[in-house]
Amino acid sequence: MILRLSAGPFGDALPQIRTFFRAVLAIIAVVYLGCFGYVTTRRTLYQISARQSFDANPQATRSSPAVPRLLGRITVPRLELSAMVNEGVDENTLALAIGHIPGTALPGSSGNVGVAAHRDTFFRPLKDLRADDEVDFTTDQGEFRYRVTSLRIVDPDDVAVLQPTKEPELTMVTCYPFEFFGHAPKRFVVQARRIGPRSL
């Protein structure tokens, strides 16, 4: 005796359902890749434009409509990291550049200079940073060199790392863990002490 299993009411429609869901997934993938490509291209073009304007005339960039709120450039030579820095840490700023945290000191003055960037863009190389690495922060006032003194993982609400300091320091903040998918639960904090200025 041969038993035949019924495919059920949706048995005949299963191939069409599978095709439909494959098409939906393909559309989602295309949209995601398109958005990613747009964001990446926009960021790259902005960095090129800001870098060219800054290199041509650092003193003119603060009032330039092409590069609003441009503060300077951060470079970590050993990691081959180099990116322009804008004033502010709103989403639009961080989509284009490293952001200078409002209320913290400016390079060239005494105190704690705070900057932030996304872990999946400009500050991704920080995962390979080491103590004693050097960081250059170039502004229209000159080039200021810092040496990394500590690397820490803190809670997002730990603002003590941005407190004013008597000595000129630089604090770089990004999300942690670096490979985390979604909103990362911690912050990776790099603190560095200024070791010398160099005029432009």
C-alpha atoms as a PDB file:
ATOM      1  CA  MET A   1       0.000   0.000   0.000  1.00  0.00           C
ATOM      2  CA  ILE A   2       1.431   3.375  -1.025  1.00  0.00           C
ATOM      3  CA  LEU A   3       0.770   6.442   1.138  1.00  0.00           C
ATOM      4  CA  ARG A   4       0.727   9.833  -0.534  1.00  0.00           C
ATOM      5  CA  LEU A   5       1.379  12.902   1.611  1.00  0.00           C
ATOM      6  CA  SER A   6      -0.633  15.955   0.732  1.00  0.00           C
ATOM      7  CA  ALA A   7       1.342  19.160   0.234  1.00  0.00           C
ATOM      8  CA  GLY A   8      -1.434  21.078   1.954  1.00  0.00           C
ATOM      9  CA  PRO A   9      -3.335  24.120   0.730  1.00  0.00           C
ATOM     10  CA  PHE A  10      -0.115  26.025  -0.090  1.00  0.00           C
ATOM     11  CA  GLY A  11       1.701  23.106  -1.702  1.00  0.00           C
ATOM     12  CA  ASP A  12       1.182  24.279  -5.267  1.00  0.00           C
ATOM     13  CA  ALA A  13       2.053  27.861  -4.356  1.00  0.00           C
ATOM     14  CA  LEU A  14       5.379  27.122  -2.600  1.00  0.00           C
ATOM     15  CA  PRO A  15       7.573  27.781  -5.668  1.00  0.00           C
ATOM     16  CA  GLN A  16       5.861  31.152  -6.207  1.00  0.00           C
ATOM     17  CA  ILE A  17       6.220  32.057  -2.508  1.00  0.00           C
ATOM     18  CA  ARG A  18       9.913  31.194  -2.580  1.00  0.00           C
ATOM     19  CA  THR A  19      10.393  33.268  -5.728  1.00  0.00           C
ATOM     20  CA  PHE A  20       8.551  36.202  -4.149  1.00  0.00           C
ATOM     21  CA  PHE A  21      10.700  36.177  -0.997  1.00  0.00           C
ATOM     22  CA  ARG A  22      13.889  35.853  -3.041  1.00  0.00           C
ATOM     23  CA  ALA A  23      12.840  38.901  -5.046  1.00  0.00           C
ATOM     24  CA  VAL A  24      12.095  40.863  -1.855  1.00  0.00           C
ATOM     25  CA  LEU A  25      15.481  39.944  -0.378  1.00  0.00           C
ATOM     26  CA  ALA A  26      17.212  40.920  -3.605  1.00  0.00           C
ATOM     27  CA  ILE A  27      15.485  44.319  -3.587  1.00  0.00           C
ATOM     28  CA  ILE A  28      16.461  44.888   0.049  1.00  0.00           C
ATOM     29  CA  ALA A  29      20.077  43.996  -0.757  1.00  0.00           C
ATOM     30  CA  VAL A  30      20.160  46.375  -3.734  1.00  0.00           C
ATOM     31  CA  VAL A  31      18.668  49.228  -1.676  1.00  0.00           C
ATOM     32  CA  TYR A  32      21.121  48.594   1.163  1.00  0.00           C
ATOM     33  CA  LEU A  33      24.117  48.504  -1.173  1.00  0.00           C
ATOM     34  CA  GLY A  34      22.870  51.635  -2.913  1.00  0.00           C
ATOM     35  CA  CYS A  35      22.543  53.499   0.388  1.00  0.00           C
ATOM     36  CA  PHE A  36      25.955  52.263   1.527  1.00  0.00           C
ATOM     37  CA  GLY A  37      27.517  53.326  -1.758  1.00  0.00           C
ATOM     38  CA  TYR A  38      25.913  56.774  -1.572  1.00  0.00           C
ATOM     39  CA  VAL A  39      27.051  57.377   2.032  1.00  0.00           C
ATOM     40  CA  THR A  40      30.577  56.160   1.300  1.00  0.00           C
ATOM     41  CA  THR A  41      30.892  58.245  -1.869  1.00  0.00           C
ATOM     42  CA  ARG A  42      29.545  61.347  -0.135  1.00  0.00           C
ATOM     43  CA  ARG A  43      32.021  60.927   2.733  1.00  0.00           C
ATOM     44  CA  THR A  44      34.959  60.339   0.391  1.00  0.00           C
ATOM     45  CA  LEU A  45      34.166  63.338  -1.801  1.00  0.00           C
ATOM     46  CA  TYR A  46      33.777  65.577   1.235  1.00  0.00           C
ATOM     47  CA  GLN A  47      37.122  64.445   2.655  1.00  0.00           C
ATOM     48  CA  ILE A  48      38.865  65.130  -0.663  1.00  0.00           C
ATOM     49  CA  SER A  49      37.299  68.598  -0.959  1.00  0.00           C
ATOM     50  CA  ALA A  50      38.029  69.522   2.658  1.00  0.00           C
ATOM     51  CA  ARG A  51      41.617  68.270   2.434  1.00  0.00           C
ATOM     52  CA  GLN A  52      42.298  70.240  -0.746  1.00  0.00           C
ATOM     53  CA  SER A  53      40.823  73.423   0.713  1.00  0.00           C
ATOM     54  CA  PHE A  54      42.742  73.030   3.962  1.00  0.00           C
ATOM     55  CA  ASP A  55      46.068  72.256   2.262  1.00  0.00           C
ATOM     56  CA  ALA A  56      45.659  75.219  -0.075  1.00  0.00           C
ATOM     57  CA  ASN A  57      44.918  77.737   2.689  1.00  0.00           C
ATOM     58  CA  PRO A  58      44.355  76.550   6.270  1.00  0.00           C
ATOM     59  CA  GLN A  59      43.444  80.046   7.484  1.00  0.00           C
ATOM     60  CA  ALA A  60      40.595  80.362   4.966  1.00  0.00           C
ATOM     61  CA  THR A  61      38.806  77.106   5.716  1.00  0.00           C
ATOM     62  CA  ARG A  62      36.898  78.272   8.788  1.00  0.00           C
ATOM     63  CA  SER A  63      34.900  80.755   6.721  1.00  0.00           C
ATOM     64  CA  SER A  64      34.672  78.693   3.561  1.00  0.00           C
ATOM     65  CA  PRO A  65      31.096  77.764   2.560  1.00  0.00           C
ATOM     66  CA  ALA A  66      32.453  74.668   0.807  1.00  0.00           C
ATOM     67  CA  VAL A  67      33.844  73.216   4.043  1.00  0.00           C
ATOM     68  CA  PRO A  68      31.704  74.615   6.907  1.00  0.00           C
ATOM     69  CA  ARG A  69      33.043  74.230  10.445  1.00  0.00           C
ATOM     70  CA  LEU A  70      36.279  72.634   9.269  1.00  0.00           C
ATOM     71  CA  LEU A  71      38.719  72.551  12.160  1.00  0.00           C
ATOM     72  CA  GLY A  72      41.712  70.654  10.825  1.00  0.00           C
ATOM     73  CA  ARG A  73      43.123  67.172  10.240  1.00  0.00           C
ATOM     74  CA  ILE A  74      44.029  64.265  12.504  1.00  0.00           C
ATOM     75  CA  THR A  75      46.768  61.886  11.393  1.00  0.00           C
ATOM     76  CA  VAL A  76      48.082  58.722  13.040  1.00  0.00           C
ATOM     77  CA  PRO A  77      51.184  57.971  10.954  1.00  0.00           C
ATOM     78  CA  ARG A  78      51.736  54.355  12.048  1.00  0.00           C
ATOM     79  CA  LEU A  79      48.141  53.395  11.227  1.00  0.00           C
ATOM     80  CA  GLU A  80      48.054  55.469   8.017  1.00  0.00           C
ATOM     81  CA  LEU A  81      44.951  57.160   9.393  1.00  0.00           C
ATOM     82  CA  SER A  82      44.281  60.660   8.113  1.00  0.00           C
ATOM     83  CA  ALA A  83      40.922  62.418   8.218  1.00  0.00           C
ATOM     84  CA  MET A  84      39.517  65.922   8.396  1.00  0.00           C
ATOM     85  CA  VAL A  85      37.913  67.205  11.593  1.00  0.00           C
ATOM     86  CA  ASN A  86      34.750  69.302  11.763  1.00  0.00           C
ATOM     87  CA  GLU A  87      33.200  71.091  14.718  1.00  0.00           C
ATOM     88  CA  GLY A  88      30.329  69.142  16.306  1.00  0.00           C
ATOM     89  CA  VAL A  89      29.262  65.533  16.802  1.00  0.00           C
ATOM     90  CA  ASP A  90      25.798  65.476  15.217  1.00  0.00           C
ATOM     91  CA  GLU A  91      24.991  62.646  12.809  1.00  0.00           C
ATOM     92  CA  ASN A  92      25.580  64.723   9.678  1.00  0.00           C
ATOM     93  CA  THR A  93      29.015  65.808  10.899  1.00  0.00           C
ATOM     94  CA  LEU A  94      30.084  62.287  11.868  1.00  0.00           C
ATOM     95  CA  ALA A  95      28.877  60.979   8.502  1.00  0.00           C
ATOM     96  CA  LEU A  96      31.470  63.192   6.805  1.00  0.00           C
ATOM     97  CA  ALA A  97      34.336  63.731   9.229  1.00  0.00           C
ATOM     98  CA  ILE A  98      35.789  63.272  12.678  1.00  0.00           C
ATOM     99  CA  GLY A  99      33.889  65.541  15.055  1.00  0.00           C
ATOM    100  CA  HIS A 100      35.348  67.922  17.640  1.00  0.00           C
ATOM    101  CA  ILE A 101      33.281  67.582  20.825  1.00  0.00           C
ATOM    102  CA  PRO A 102      31.760  70.977  21.718  1.00  0.00           C
ATOM    103  CA  GLY A 103      32.823  72.326  25.078  1.00  0.00           C
ATOM    104  CA  THR A 104      36.250  70.690  24.998  1.00  0.00           C
ATOM    105  CA  ALA A 105      39.499  72.548  24.367  1.00  0.00           C
ATOM    106  CA  LEU A 106      40.845  73.399  20.947  1.00  0.00           C
ATOM    107  CA  PRO A 107      44.262  72.227  19.721  1.00  0.00           C
ATOM    108  CA  GLY A 108      46.938  74.711  20.684  1.00  0.00           C
ATOM    109  CA  SER A 109      45.337  75.638  23.995  1.00  0.00           C
ATOM    110  CA  SER A 110      45.721  74.072  27.414  1.00  0.00           C
ATOM    111  CA  GLY A 111      43.116  71.486  28.322  1.00  0.00           C
ATOM    112  CA  ASN A 112      41.497  68.362  26.975  1.00  0.00           C
ATOM    113  CA  VAL A 113      40.708  68.285  23.243  1.00  0.00           C
ATOM    114  CA  GLY A 114      37.880  65.809  22.640  1.00  0.00           C
ATOM    115  CA  VAL A 115      37.091  64.254  19.260  1.00  0.00           C
ATOM    116  CA  ALA A 116      34.776  61.432  18.204  1.00  0.00           C
ATOM    117  CA  ALA A 117      34.127  59.326  15.118  1.00  0.00           C
ATOM    118  CA  HIS A 118      32.292  56.160  14.132  1.00  0.00           C
ATOM    119  CA  ARG A 119      34.074  52.849  14.695  1.00  0.00           C
ATOM    120  CA  ASP A 120      33.130  51.683  11.188  1.00  0.00           C
ATOM    121  CA  THR A 121      34.542  54.744   9.405  1.00  0.00           C
ATOM    122  CA  PHE A 122      37.432  57.009  10.427  1.00  0.00           C
ATOM    123  CA  PHE A 123      38.243  55.508  13.816  1.00  0.00           C
ATOM    124  CA  ARG A 124      38.213  51.837  12.822  1.00  0.00           C
ATOM    125  CA  PRO A 125      42.053  51.777  12.718  1.00  0.00           C
ATOM    126  CA  LEU A 126      42.133  52.706  16.408  1.00  0.00           C
ATOM    127  CA  LYS A 127      41.641  49.025  17.250  1.00  0.00           C
ATOM    128  CA  ASP A 128      45.326  48.591  16.341  1.00  0.00           C
ATOM    129  CA  LEU A 129      46.556  51.641  18.252  1.00  0.00           C
ATOM    130  CA  ARG A 130      49.229  51.175  20.905  1.00  0.00           C
ATOM    131  CA  ALA A 131      50.603  53.189  23.795  1.00  0.00           C
ATOM    132  CA  ASP A 132      53.320  55.639  22.682  1.00  0.00           C
ATOM    133  CA  ASP A 133      51.883  55.927  19.159  1.00  0.00           C
ATOM    134  CA  GLU A 134      51.932  59.513  17.908  1.00  0.00           C
ATOM    135  CA  VAL A 135      48.916  61.505  16.752  1.00  0.00           C
ATOM    136  CA  ASP A 136      49.144  64.777  14.823  1.00  0.00           C
ATOM    137  CA  PHE A 137      46.345  67.342  14.927  1.00  0.00           C
ATOM    138  CA  THR A 138      46.878  70.064  12.314  1.00  0.00           C
ATOM    139  CA  THR A 139      44.781  73.250  12.425  1.00  0.00           C
ATOM    140  CA  ASP A 140      45.090  76.765  11.063  1.00  0.00           C
ATOM    141  CA  GLN A 141      47.167  77.481  14.185  1.00  0.00           C
ATOM    142  CA  GLY A 142      49.801  74.857  13.406  1.00  0.00           C
ATOM    143  CA  GLU A 143      50.530  71.169  13.893  1.00  0.00           C
ATOM    144  CA  PHE A 144      50.232  69.720  17.392  1.00  0.00           C
ATOM    145  CA  ARG A 145      51.731  66.350  18.194  1.00  0.00           C
ATOM    146  CA  TYR A 146      50.427  64.000  20.885  1.00  0.00           C
ATOM    147  CA  ARG A 147      51.683  60.708  22.299  1.00  0.00           C
ATOM    148  CA  VAL A 148      49.189  58.024  23.334  1.00  0.00           C
ATOM    149  CA  THR A 149      49.251  57.429  27.084  1.00  0.00           C
ATOM    150  CA  SER A 150      46.240  55.166  27.656  1.00  0.00           C
ATOM    151  CA  LEU A 151      43.552  53.107  25.934  1.00  0.00           C
ATOM    152  CA  ARG A 152      40.398  52.338  27.903  1.00  0.00           C
ATOM    153  CA  ILE A 153      36.949  50.838  27.511  1.00  0.00           C
ATOM    154  CA  VAL A 154      34.244  52.735  29.387  1.00  0.00           C
ATOM    155  CA  ASP A 155      30.458  52.987  29.644  1.00  0.00           C
ATOM    156  CA  PRO A 156      28.733  55.450  27.281  1.00  0.00           C
ATOM    157  CA  ASP A 157      27.761  57.736  30.156  1.00  0.00           C
ATOM    158  CA  ASP A 158      31.309  57.980  31.521  1.00  0.00           C
ATOM    159  CA  VAL A 159      31.999  61.643  30.694  1.00  0.00           C
ATOM    160  CA  ALA A 160      34.943  61.873  33.089  1.00  0.00           C
ATOM    161  CA  VAL A 161      37.248  61.146  30.147  1.00  0.00           C
ATOM    162  CA  LEU A 162      36.285  64.543  28.710  1.00  0.00           C
ATOM    163  CA  GLN A 163      36.869  66.562  31.866  1.00  0.00           C
ATOM    164  CA  PRO A 164      39.174  69.581  31.501  1.00  0.00           C
ATOM    165  CA  THR A 165      42.846  68.944  32.196  1.00  0.00           C
ATOM    166  CA  LYS A 166      45.669  71.245  33.241  1.00  0.00           C
ATOM    167  CA  GLU A 167      48.021  69.804  30.652  1.00  0.00           C
ATOM    168  CA  PRO A 168      47.224  69.856  26.913  1.00  0.00           C
ATOM    169  CA  GLU A 169      45.741  66.468  26.041  1.00  0.00           C
ATOM    170  CA  LEU A 170      43.784  64.789  23.259  1.00  0.00           C
ATOM    171  CA  THR A 171      40.928  62.341  23.868  1.00  0.00           C
ATOM    172  CA  MET A 172      39.585  60.251  20.980  1.00  0.00           C
ATOM    173  CA  VAL A 173      36.287  58.412  21.469  1.00  0.00           C
ATOM    174  CA  THR A 174      34.534  55.754  19.398  1.00  0.00           C
ATOM    175  CA  CYS A 175      32.073  52.920  19.960  1.00  0.00           C
ATOM    176  CA  TYR A 176      33.168  49.477  21.165  1.00  0.00           C
ATOM    177  CA  PRO A 177      33.423  46.564  20.386  1.00  0.00           C
ATOM    178  CA  PHE A 178      34.672  47.370  16.900  1.00  0.00           C
ATOM    179  CA  GLU A 179      33.048  44.283  15.339  1.00  0.00           C
ATOM    180  CA  PHE A 180      29.707  44.707  17.141  1.00  0.00           C
ATOM    181  CA  PHE A 181      26.591  44.777  14.949  1.00  0.00           C
ATOM    182  CA  GLY A 182      24.155  47.530  15.906  1.00  0.00           C
ATOM    183  CA  HIS A 183      24.494  50.061  18.703  1.00  0.00           C
ATOM    184  CA  ALA A 184      27.665  49.138  20.566  1.00  0.00           C
ATOM    185  CA  PRO A 185      27.329  49.031  24.370  1.00  0.00           C
ATOM    186  CA  LYS A 186      30.731  50.510  25.280  1.00  0.00           C
ATOM    187  CA  ARG A 187      33.116  53.288  24.307  1.00  0.00           C
ATOM    188  CA  PHE A 188      36.769  52.948  23.322  1.00  0.00           C
ATOM    189  CA  VAL A 189      38.740  55.908  24.647  1.00  0.00           C
ATOM    190  CA  VAL A 190      42.243  56.934  23.639  1.00  0.00           C
ATOM    191  CA  GLN A 191      44.034  59.569  25.673  1.00  0.00           C
ATOM    192  CA  ALA A 192      47.224  61.263  24.546  1.00  0.00           C
ATOM    193  CA  ARG A 193      49.524  63.941  25.958  1.00  0.00           C
ATOM    194  CA  ARG A 194      50.793  66.763  23.782  1.00  0.00           C
ATOM    195  CA  ILE A 195      54.520  66.535  23.195  1.00  0.00           C
ATOM    196  CA  GLY A 196      55.087  69.552  20.999  1.00  0.00           C
ATOM    197  CA  PRO A 197      53.707  72.064  18.513  1.00  0.00           C
ATOM    198  CA  ARG A 198      55.050  72.813  15.082  1.00  0.00           C
ATOM    199  CA  SER A 199      53.995  76.017  13.341  1.00  0.00           C
ATOM    200  CA  LEU A 200      52.769  75.862   9.761  1.00  0.00           C
END
